[in-house]
N, C-alpha and C. Protein backbone atom coordinates (compact mmCIF):
# COMPACT_ATOMS: atom_id res chain seq x y z
N MET A 1 -46.45 24.36 31.62
CA MET A 1 -46.54 23.05 32.18
C MET A 1 -46.54 21.98 31.07
N ALA A 2 -47.28 22.21 30.00
CA ALA A 2 -47.34 21.26 28.88
C ALA A 2 -45.98 21.13 28.22
N ALA A 3 -45.23 22.24 28.14
CA ALA A 3 -43.90 22.21 27.54
C ALA A 3 -42.96 21.36 28.39
N LEU A 4 -43.09 21.43 29.71
CA LEU A 4 -42.26 20.64 30.61
C LEU A 4 -42.54 19.15 30.45
N ILE A 5 -43.83 18.81 30.32
CA ILE A 5 -44.22 17.40 30.12
C ILE A 5 -43.68 16.89 28.78
N ALA A 6 -43.78 17.71 27.74
CA ALA A 6 -43.27 17.31 26.41
C ALA A 6 -41.76 17.09 26.47
N LEU A 7 -41.06 17.95 27.20
CA LEU A 7 -39.62 17.80 27.33
C LEU A 7 -39.26 16.52 28.08
N LEU A 8 -40.00 16.19 29.12
CA LEU A 8 -39.77 14.95 29.87
C LEU A 8 -40.01 13.72 29.00
N ILE A 9 -41.06 13.76 28.20
CA ILE A 9 -41.36 12.63 27.31
C ILE A 9 -40.26 12.47 26.27
N LEU A 10 -39.80 13.60 25.74
CA LEU A 10 -38.72 13.57 24.75
C LEU A 10 -37.45 12.98 25.36
N CYS A 11 -37.09 13.42 26.55
CA CYS A 11 -35.89 12.91 27.22
C CYS A 11 -36.03 11.42 27.54
N ALA A 12 -37.20 11.00 27.95
CA ALA A 12 -37.43 9.58 28.24
C ALA A 12 -37.30 8.77 26.95
N GLY A 13 -37.81 9.30 25.84
CA GLY A 13 -37.71 8.60 24.56
C GLY A 13 -36.27 8.43 24.12
N ILE A 14 -35.45 9.45 24.33
CA ILE A 14 -34.04 9.35 23.98
C ILE A 14 -33.36 8.31 24.85
N GLY A 15 -33.66 8.32 26.13
CA GLY A 15 -33.06 7.36 27.05
C GLY A 15 -33.43 5.93 26.71
N LEU A 16 -34.59 5.71 26.17
CA LEU A 16 -35.03 4.36 25.82
C LEU A 16 -34.56 3.94 24.43
N GLY A 17 -34.01 4.86 23.70
CA GLY A 17 -33.49 4.52 22.38
C GLY A 17 -34.55 4.43 21.32
N VAL A 18 -35.66 5.11 21.51
CA VAL A 18 -36.72 5.05 20.52
C VAL A 18 -36.89 6.37 19.79
N PHE A 19 -36.04 7.32 20.05
CA PHE A 19 -36.09 8.60 19.36
C PHE A 19 -35.70 8.41 17.90
N PHE A 20 -36.51 8.89 17.00
CA PHE A 20 -36.25 8.70 15.58
C PHE A 20 -35.35 9.81 15.06
N SER A 21 -34.33 9.41 14.32
CA SER A 21 -33.38 10.36 13.77
C SER A 21 -32.83 9.78 12.48
N GLY A 22 -32.94 10.49 11.40
CA GLY A 22 -32.36 10.05 10.14
C GLY A 22 -32.99 8.76 9.62
N GLY A 23 -34.21 8.45 9.96
CA GLY A 23 -34.88 7.29 9.41
C GLY A 23 -34.63 6.00 10.17
N TYR A 24 -33.94 6.03 11.29
CA TYR A 24 -33.75 4.83 12.08
C TYR A 24 -33.66 5.22 13.54
N THR A 25 -33.96 4.28 14.39
CA THR A 25 -33.87 4.57 15.81
C THR A 25 -32.42 4.47 16.24
N THR A 26 -32.12 5.03 17.41
CA THR A 26 -30.75 4.95 17.89
C THR A 26 -30.36 3.52 18.18
N LEU A 27 -31.33 2.63 18.35
CA LEU A 27 -31.02 1.22 18.54
C LEU A 27 -30.50 0.59 17.25
N ASP A 28 -30.94 1.15 16.09
CA ASP A 28 -30.53 0.61 14.81
C ASP A 28 -29.32 1.31 14.23
N ALA A 29 -28.81 2.34 14.89
CA ALA A 29 -27.69 3.11 14.35
C ALA A 29 -26.46 2.23 14.18
N PRO A 30 -25.64 2.53 13.18
CA PRO A 30 -24.43 1.75 12.98
C PRO A 30 -23.53 1.84 14.21
N THR A 31 -22.91 0.73 14.53
CA THR A 31 -21.96 0.75 15.63
C THR A 31 -20.72 1.49 15.18
N PRO A 32 -19.96 2.06 16.11
CA PRO A 32 -18.77 2.81 15.70
C PRO A 32 -17.82 2.00 14.84
N SER A 33 -17.68 0.70 15.05
CA SER A 33 -16.75 -0.09 14.25
C SER A 33 -17.20 -0.18 12.80
N ARG A 34 -18.50 -0.24 12.56
CA ARG A 34 -18.98 -0.25 11.18
C ARG A 34 -18.98 1.14 10.59
N ALA A 35 -19.34 2.12 11.37
CA ALA A 35 -19.45 3.48 10.86
C ALA A 35 -18.08 4.06 10.53
N THR A 36 -17.06 3.63 11.23
CA THR A 36 -15.73 4.19 11.01
C THR A 36 -14.81 3.22 10.30
N SER A 37 -15.38 2.24 9.63
CA SER A 37 -14.58 1.23 8.94
C SER A 37 -13.65 1.89 7.94
N THR A 38 -12.40 1.43 7.90
CA THR A 38 -11.45 1.95 6.92
C THR A 38 -11.11 0.92 5.86
N GLU A 39 -11.91 -0.13 5.78
CA GLU A 39 -11.65 -1.15 4.78
C GLU A 39 -11.90 -0.58 3.40
N PRO A 40 -10.90 -0.64 2.51
CA PRO A 40 -11.07 -0.06 1.18
C PRO A 40 -12.22 -0.67 0.41
N ALA A 41 -12.46 -1.97 0.55
CA ALA A 41 -13.54 -2.61 -0.19
C ALA A 41 -14.88 -2.03 0.21
N ALA A 42 -15.09 -1.79 1.50
CA ALA A 42 -16.34 -1.22 1.97
C ALA A 42 -16.50 0.19 1.42
N ALA A 43 -15.44 0.96 1.42
CA ALA A 43 -15.50 2.33 0.92
C ALA A 43 -15.81 2.33 -0.57
N ASN A 44 -15.21 1.41 -1.32
CA ASN A 44 -15.44 1.36 -2.76
C ASN A 44 -16.88 1.03 -3.09
N LYS A 45 -17.49 0.11 -2.35
CA LYS A 45 -18.87 -0.29 -2.62
C LYS A 45 -19.83 0.86 -2.36
N GLU A 46 -19.59 1.63 -1.32
CA GLU A 46 -20.53 2.66 -0.93
C GLU A 46 -20.33 3.96 -1.69
N THR A 47 -19.10 4.32 -2.01
CA THR A 47 -18.85 5.64 -2.57
C THR A 47 -18.33 5.62 -4.00
N SER A 48 -17.93 4.48 -4.48
CA SER A 48 -17.33 4.33 -5.81
C SER A 48 -16.06 5.16 -5.96
N VAL A 49 -15.47 5.56 -4.86
CA VAL A 49 -14.21 6.30 -4.88
C VAL A 49 -13.13 5.36 -4.39
N GLU A 50 -12.09 5.21 -5.20
CA GLU A 50 -11.01 4.33 -4.79
C GLU A 50 -10.16 5.02 -3.74
N THR A 51 -9.76 4.27 -2.75
CA THR A 51 -8.95 4.78 -1.67
C THR A 51 -7.52 4.35 -1.87
N SER A 52 -6.60 5.30 -1.80
CA SER A 52 -5.20 4.93 -1.90
C SER A 52 -4.76 4.37 -0.55
N ILE A 53 -3.81 3.47 -0.61
CA ILE A 53 -3.38 2.76 0.59
C ILE A 53 -1.87 2.85 0.72
N THR A 54 -1.43 3.07 1.94
CA THR A 54 -0.02 2.97 2.30
C THR A 54 0.11 1.79 3.24
N LEU A 55 0.93 0.83 2.88
CA LEU A 55 1.15 -0.33 3.73
C LEU A 55 2.56 -0.27 4.30
N ASP A 56 2.65 -0.25 5.63
CA ASP A 56 3.93 -0.15 6.30
C ASP A 56 4.20 -1.43 7.08
N TYR A 57 5.05 -2.26 6.53
CA TYR A 57 5.46 -3.51 7.18
C TYR A 57 6.93 -3.41 7.61
N SER A 58 7.43 -2.20 7.74
CA SER A 58 8.84 -2.02 8.06
C SER A 58 9.16 -2.45 9.49
N GLY A 59 10.34 -3.03 9.65
CA GLY A 59 10.83 -3.40 10.96
C GLY A 59 9.99 -4.40 11.72
N LYS A 60 9.34 -5.31 11.03
CA LYS A 60 8.48 -6.29 11.68
C LYS A 60 9.13 -7.68 11.74
N ASN A 61 10.40 -7.75 11.42
CA ASN A 61 11.15 -9.00 11.47
C ASN A 61 10.53 -10.08 10.58
N LEU A 62 10.00 -9.68 9.44
CA LEU A 62 9.39 -10.62 8.50
C LEU A 62 10.47 -11.42 7.77
N SER A 63 10.23 -12.71 7.62
CA SER A 63 11.14 -13.53 6.83
C SER A 63 10.49 -13.96 5.52
N GLN A 64 9.18 -13.75 5.39
CA GLN A 64 8.45 -14.07 4.17
C GLN A 64 7.56 -12.90 3.79
N PHE A 65 7.33 -12.76 2.50
CA PHE A 65 6.45 -11.71 1.97
C PHE A 65 5.02 -11.98 2.42
N PRO A 66 4.35 -11.02 3.05
CA PRO A 66 2.95 -11.22 3.47
C PRO A 66 2.01 -11.23 2.25
N LYS A 67 1.46 -12.38 1.94
CA LYS A 67 0.62 -12.54 0.74
C LYS A 67 -0.62 -11.65 0.75
N GLU A 68 -1.10 -11.25 1.94
CA GLU A 68 -2.31 -10.42 2.00
C GLU A 68 -2.08 -9.06 1.34
N ILE A 69 -0.85 -8.66 1.19
CA ILE A 69 -0.54 -7.40 0.52
C ILE A 69 -1.10 -7.40 -0.90
N LEU A 70 -1.04 -8.53 -1.56
CA LEU A 70 -1.45 -8.61 -2.96
C LEU A 70 -2.93 -8.36 -3.16
N SER A 71 -3.74 -8.46 -2.12
CA SER A 71 -5.18 -8.20 -2.24
C SER A 71 -5.49 -6.71 -2.12
N GLN A 72 -4.52 -5.91 -1.73
CA GLN A 72 -4.72 -4.47 -1.58
C GLN A 72 -4.37 -3.76 -2.88
N LYS A 73 -5.26 -3.87 -3.85
CA LYS A 73 -4.99 -3.41 -5.22
C LYS A 73 -4.76 -1.90 -5.33
N ASN A 74 -5.23 -1.11 -4.37
CA ASN A 74 -5.07 0.34 -4.45
C ASN A 74 -3.83 0.84 -3.73
N THR A 75 -2.95 -0.07 -3.36
CA THR A 75 -1.74 0.32 -2.65
C THR A 75 -0.89 1.24 -3.51
N GLU A 76 -0.52 2.40 -2.95
CA GLU A 76 0.36 3.33 -3.64
C GLU A 76 1.76 3.31 -3.05
N LYS A 77 1.86 3.01 -1.75
CA LYS A 77 3.17 2.95 -1.11
C LYS A 77 3.25 1.66 -0.30
N LEU A 78 4.31 0.91 -0.54
CA LEU A 78 4.55 -0.33 0.19
C LEU A 78 5.94 -0.28 0.79
N ASP A 79 5.99 -0.37 2.12
CA ASP A 79 7.26 -0.32 2.83
C ASP A 79 7.51 -1.66 3.52
N LEU A 80 8.47 -2.40 3.01
CA LEU A 80 8.88 -3.68 3.58
C LEU A 80 10.32 -3.60 4.10
N SER A 81 10.79 -2.41 4.35
CA SER A 81 12.18 -2.21 4.75
C SER A 81 12.46 -2.75 6.14
N ASP A 82 13.74 -2.98 6.39
CA ASP A 82 14.23 -3.39 7.72
C ASP A 82 13.58 -4.67 8.24
N ASN A 83 13.58 -5.67 7.39
CA ASN A 83 13.07 -6.99 7.77
C ASN A 83 14.15 -8.02 7.47
N ALA A 84 13.76 -9.27 7.37
CA ALA A 84 14.70 -10.36 7.06
C ALA A 84 14.22 -11.13 5.83
N LEU A 85 13.66 -10.40 4.86
CA LEU A 85 13.14 -11.03 3.65
C LEU A 85 14.28 -11.56 2.80
N THR A 86 14.09 -12.77 2.27
CA THR A 86 15.09 -13.41 1.42
C THR A 86 14.47 -13.73 0.07
N GLY A 87 15.28 -14.19 -0.86
CA GLY A 87 14.77 -14.56 -2.18
C GLY A 87 14.37 -13.32 -2.95
N ALA A 88 13.20 -13.40 -3.59
CA ALA A 88 12.70 -12.29 -4.40
C ALA A 88 11.25 -12.02 -4.05
N LEU A 89 10.77 -10.85 -4.42
CA LEU A 89 9.35 -10.55 -4.28
C LEU A 89 8.57 -11.52 -5.17
N PRO A 90 7.31 -11.81 -4.83
CA PRO A 90 6.53 -12.69 -5.71
C PRO A 90 6.23 -12.00 -7.04
N ALA A 91 6.15 -12.79 -8.08
CA ALA A 91 5.84 -12.26 -9.41
C ALA A 91 4.51 -11.51 -9.43
N GLU A 92 3.60 -11.89 -8.55
CA GLU A 92 2.27 -11.26 -8.49
C GLU A 92 2.32 -9.80 -8.05
N ILE A 93 3.49 -9.31 -7.68
CA ILE A 93 3.63 -7.90 -7.29
C ILE A 93 3.11 -6.99 -8.41
N HIS A 94 3.15 -7.46 -9.64
CA HIS A 94 2.68 -6.64 -10.77
C HIS A 94 1.19 -6.32 -10.68
N GLU A 95 0.45 -7.04 -9.84
CA GLU A 95 -0.98 -6.78 -9.67
C GLU A 95 -1.25 -5.47 -8.92
N LEU A 96 -0.26 -4.93 -8.25
CA LEU A 96 -0.42 -3.67 -7.53
C LEU A 96 -0.17 -2.51 -8.50
N GLN A 97 -1.08 -2.35 -9.44
CA GLN A 97 -0.90 -1.42 -10.55
C GLN A 97 -0.85 0.05 -10.14
N ASN A 98 -1.29 0.39 -8.93
CA ASN A 98 -1.24 1.77 -8.47
C ASN A 98 0.02 2.08 -7.67
N LEU A 99 0.89 1.10 -7.52
CA LEU A 99 2.07 1.26 -6.69
C LEU A 99 2.98 2.35 -7.25
N GLN A 100 3.34 3.31 -6.39
CA GLN A 100 4.22 4.40 -6.78
C GLN A 100 5.55 4.35 -6.04
N ILE A 101 5.52 3.86 -4.81
CA ILE A 101 6.74 3.79 -3.99
C ILE A 101 6.88 2.39 -3.42
N LEU A 102 8.01 1.77 -3.68
CA LEU A 102 8.29 0.44 -3.15
C LEU A 102 9.63 0.50 -2.42
N ASP A 103 9.59 0.25 -1.11
CA ASP A 103 10.80 0.26 -0.29
C ASP A 103 11.03 -1.13 0.27
N ILE A 104 12.05 -1.80 -0.26
CA ILE A 104 12.43 -3.13 0.22
C ILE A 104 13.86 -3.10 0.76
N SER A 105 14.29 -1.94 1.16
CA SER A 105 15.67 -1.76 1.63
C SER A 105 15.92 -2.51 2.93
N ASN A 106 17.20 -2.79 3.16
CA ASN A 106 17.66 -3.42 4.40
C ASN A 106 16.99 -4.76 4.68
N ASN A 107 17.06 -5.63 3.69
CA ASN A 107 16.61 -7.01 3.81
C ASN A 107 17.76 -7.90 3.36
N GLN A 108 17.44 -9.12 2.99
CA GLN A 108 18.46 -10.06 2.50
C GLN A 108 18.03 -10.64 1.15
N MET A 109 17.33 -9.83 0.38
CA MET A 109 16.79 -10.28 -0.90
C MET A 109 17.91 -10.48 -1.91
N THR A 110 17.78 -11.56 -2.69
CA THR A 110 18.81 -11.89 -3.67
C THR A 110 18.37 -11.62 -5.11
N GLY A 111 17.11 -11.29 -5.31
CA GLY A 111 16.63 -11.05 -6.66
C GLY A 111 15.40 -10.17 -6.70
N LEU A 112 15.14 -9.63 -7.88
CA LEU A 112 13.94 -8.84 -8.14
C LEU A 112 13.20 -9.51 -9.30
N PRO A 113 11.88 -9.61 -9.22
CA PRO A 113 11.16 -10.24 -10.33
C PRO A 113 11.06 -9.32 -11.54
N ALA A 114 11.09 -9.92 -12.71
CA ALA A 114 10.95 -9.15 -13.95
C ALA A 114 9.61 -8.41 -13.99
N GLU A 115 8.63 -8.94 -13.28
CA GLU A 115 7.28 -8.34 -13.28
C GLU A 115 7.24 -6.94 -12.69
N LEU A 116 8.29 -6.54 -11.97
CA LEU A 116 8.34 -5.15 -11.49
C LEU A 116 8.25 -4.17 -12.65
N GLY A 117 8.72 -4.59 -13.80
CA GLY A 117 8.68 -3.74 -14.99
C GLY A 117 7.27 -3.41 -15.46
N HIS A 118 6.26 -4.10 -14.94
CA HIS A 118 4.87 -3.84 -15.31
C HIS A 118 4.22 -2.77 -14.44
N LEU A 119 4.92 -2.29 -13.41
CA LEU A 119 4.35 -1.29 -12.50
C LEU A 119 4.54 0.10 -13.09
N SER A 120 3.64 0.46 -13.98
CA SER A 120 3.80 1.68 -14.78
C SER A 120 3.75 2.97 -13.98
N HIS A 121 3.23 2.96 -12.76
CA HIS A 121 3.16 4.16 -11.94
C HIS A 121 4.32 4.26 -10.94
N LEU A 122 5.19 3.26 -10.91
CA LEU A 122 6.27 3.24 -9.93
C LEU A 122 7.21 4.42 -10.15
N ARG A 123 7.40 5.22 -9.09
CA ARG A 123 8.28 6.39 -9.14
C ARG A 123 9.57 6.16 -8.36
N ILE A 124 9.47 5.41 -7.25
CA ILE A 124 10.63 5.18 -6.40
C ILE A 124 10.75 3.69 -6.08
N LEU A 125 11.91 3.14 -6.38
CA LEU A 125 12.22 1.76 -6.01
C LEU A 125 13.49 1.79 -5.18
N ASP A 126 13.34 1.51 -3.89
CA ASP A 126 14.48 1.47 -2.99
C ASP A 126 14.75 0.03 -2.63
N ALA A 127 15.78 -0.54 -3.24
CA ALA A 127 16.20 -1.92 -2.97
C ALA A 127 17.60 -1.92 -2.36
N SER A 128 17.95 -0.84 -1.71
CA SER A 128 19.30 -0.70 -1.14
C SER A 128 19.53 -1.70 0.00
N ASN A 129 20.79 -2.03 0.17
CA ASN A 129 21.24 -2.89 1.27
C ASN A 129 20.53 -4.24 1.32
N ASN A 130 20.61 -4.93 0.21
CA ASN A 130 20.15 -6.31 0.10
C ASN A 130 21.33 -7.14 -0.39
N ARG A 131 21.05 -8.25 -1.02
CA ARG A 131 22.10 -9.11 -1.58
C ARG A 131 21.89 -9.32 -3.07
N LEU A 132 21.46 -8.27 -3.74
CA LEU A 132 21.17 -8.34 -5.17
C LEU A 132 22.47 -8.39 -5.97
N THR A 133 22.45 -9.20 -7.02
CA THR A 133 23.59 -9.25 -7.94
C THR A 133 23.11 -8.96 -9.35
N GLY A 134 22.22 -9.77 -9.88
CA GLY A 134 21.65 -9.54 -11.21
C GLY A 134 20.37 -8.74 -11.10
N LEU A 135 20.05 -8.04 -12.16
CA LEU A 135 18.82 -7.23 -12.21
C LEU A 135 18.04 -7.58 -13.45
N PRO A 136 16.71 -7.62 -13.36
CA PRO A 136 15.91 -7.87 -14.57
C PRO A 136 15.93 -6.65 -15.49
N TYR A 137 16.15 -6.87 -16.75
CA TYR A 137 16.18 -5.77 -17.71
C TYR A 137 14.85 -5.03 -17.77
N GLU A 138 13.78 -5.69 -17.35
CA GLU A 138 12.44 -5.09 -17.38
C GLU A 138 12.34 -3.85 -16.49
N LEU A 139 13.28 -3.67 -15.57
CA LEU A 139 13.28 -2.44 -14.77
C LEU A 139 13.39 -1.22 -15.67
N GLY A 140 13.98 -1.38 -16.84
CA GLY A 140 14.08 -0.30 -17.80
C GLY A 140 12.75 0.12 -18.39
N ASP A 141 11.71 -0.69 -18.20
CA ASP A 141 10.38 -0.36 -18.71
C ASP A 141 9.62 0.60 -17.80
N LEU A 142 10.20 0.95 -16.66
CA LEU A 142 9.53 1.82 -15.69
C LEU A 142 9.65 3.28 -16.11
N ALA A 143 8.78 3.70 -16.99
CA ALA A 143 8.86 5.02 -17.62
C ALA A 143 8.68 6.17 -16.64
N ASN A 144 8.07 5.94 -15.50
CA ASN A 144 7.86 7.01 -14.52
C ASN A 144 8.83 6.95 -13.35
N LEU A 145 9.82 6.06 -13.44
CA LEU A 145 10.76 5.90 -12.34
C LEU A 145 11.63 7.14 -12.18
N GLU A 146 11.64 7.67 -10.96
CA GLU A 146 12.45 8.85 -10.64
C GLU A 146 13.72 8.46 -9.89
N ILE A 147 13.59 7.46 -8.99
CA ILE A 147 14.73 7.03 -8.18
C ILE A 147 14.80 5.51 -8.16
N LEU A 148 15.98 5.00 -8.49
CA LEU A 148 16.29 3.58 -8.36
C LEU A 148 17.49 3.50 -7.44
N ASP A 149 17.26 3.05 -6.20
CA ASP A 149 18.34 2.99 -5.22
C ASP A 149 18.78 1.55 -5.03
N LEU A 150 20.00 1.27 -5.44
CA LEU A 150 20.59 -0.06 -5.36
C LEU A 150 21.86 -0.06 -4.51
N THR A 151 22.09 0.99 -3.74
CA THR A 151 23.30 1.07 -2.93
C THR A 151 23.38 -0.12 -1.98
N GLY A 152 24.60 -0.56 -1.72
CA GLY A 152 24.80 -1.67 -0.79
C GLY A 152 24.53 -3.03 -1.39
N ASN A 153 24.48 -3.13 -2.71
CA ASN A 153 24.29 -4.40 -3.43
C ASN A 153 25.47 -4.57 -4.39
N ALA A 154 25.74 -5.80 -4.73
CA ALA A 154 26.80 -6.09 -5.70
C ALA A 154 26.18 -6.32 -7.08
N VAL A 155 25.48 -5.29 -7.57
CA VAL A 155 24.76 -5.44 -8.84
C VAL A 155 25.73 -5.45 -10.01
N SER A 156 25.31 -6.14 -11.05
CA SER A 156 26.09 -6.22 -12.28
C SER A 156 26.03 -4.88 -13.00
N MET A 157 27.18 -4.30 -13.26
CA MET A 157 27.24 -3.04 -13.97
C MET A 157 26.72 -3.19 -15.40
N GLN A 158 26.91 -4.37 -15.98
CA GLN A 158 26.40 -4.62 -17.33
C GLN A 158 24.87 -4.54 -17.31
N ASP A 159 24.24 -5.21 -16.34
CA ASP A 159 22.77 -5.15 -16.22
C ASP A 159 22.32 -3.70 -16.01
N LEU A 160 23.01 -3.01 -15.16
CA LEU A 160 22.64 -1.64 -14.83
C LEU A 160 22.72 -0.72 -16.04
N GLU A 161 23.72 -0.90 -16.88
CA GLU A 161 23.85 -0.07 -18.08
C GLU A 161 22.73 -0.35 -19.08
N ILE A 162 22.34 -1.60 -19.22
CA ILE A 162 21.23 -1.94 -20.12
C ILE A 162 19.93 -1.32 -19.62
N ILE A 163 19.72 -1.39 -18.31
CA ILE A 163 18.51 -0.81 -17.71
C ILE A 163 18.53 0.71 -17.84
N ARG A 164 19.68 1.33 -17.53
CA ARG A 164 19.80 2.79 -17.59
C ARG A 164 19.47 3.32 -18.99
N ALA A 165 19.87 2.61 -20.03
CA ALA A 165 19.64 3.05 -21.40
C ALA A 165 18.15 3.13 -21.74
N LYS A 166 17.33 2.33 -21.06
CA LYS A 166 15.89 2.31 -21.32
C LYS A 166 15.10 3.28 -20.45
N LEU A 167 15.67 3.69 -19.32
CA LEU A 167 14.97 4.57 -18.38
C LEU A 167 15.01 6.02 -18.84
N PRO A 168 14.07 6.83 -18.35
CA PRO A 168 14.14 8.27 -18.67
C PRO A 168 15.47 8.86 -18.18
N PRO A 169 16.03 9.81 -18.92
CA PRO A 169 17.32 10.40 -18.52
C PRO A 169 17.29 11.05 -17.14
N SER A 170 16.12 11.47 -16.69
CA SER A 170 16.00 12.14 -15.40
C SER A 170 16.02 11.16 -14.20
N THR A 171 15.95 9.86 -14.46
CA THR A 171 15.95 8.88 -13.38
C THR A 171 17.28 8.89 -12.65
N GLN A 172 17.21 9.03 -11.32
CA GLN A 172 18.41 8.97 -10.49
C GLN A 172 18.68 7.51 -10.13
N ILE A 173 19.86 7.04 -10.47
CA ILE A 173 20.23 5.67 -10.13
C ILE A 173 21.36 5.74 -9.12
N ARG A 174 21.11 5.14 -7.97
CA ARG A 174 22.13 5.10 -6.92
C ARG A 174 22.63 3.67 -6.77
N TYR A 175 23.95 3.53 -6.80
CA TYR A 175 24.55 2.20 -6.65
C TYR A 175 25.87 2.28 -5.94
């Protein structure tokens, strides 16, 4: 009989939210939105482990570069393909020092910033099917570049030869 009463009291306590678990009551427990937050800044503060980020802005009919991308310093893959981007990427793109894959294919971009040459971890640059003509020689500074895809652009062969001479011999250049 005493066990039954204890069980009823325990169940009533849980129902009222006063059952203690892990040092806080269920009333004080983190809400699912806070507990499952995927914000990299929150993860970095709590765990000191940097989170890699993939940003997919493909096919969103963008006509301007989304500036909020530049605040995502741990971005490893950025996909801006299949939009209506014009001009060039902002020079601040060099701040994404962990960037390994950049896909800006199928836009209307007319230039690439020289600052792309500062992205030392960049392995793949897909700038195919844009309106590029000249290329910054700094692309040759991308020592880890594996693929440079420039197909569908009217790039200067002179620029391309200067860049190719500086890149690792294993880099695949498509034009």
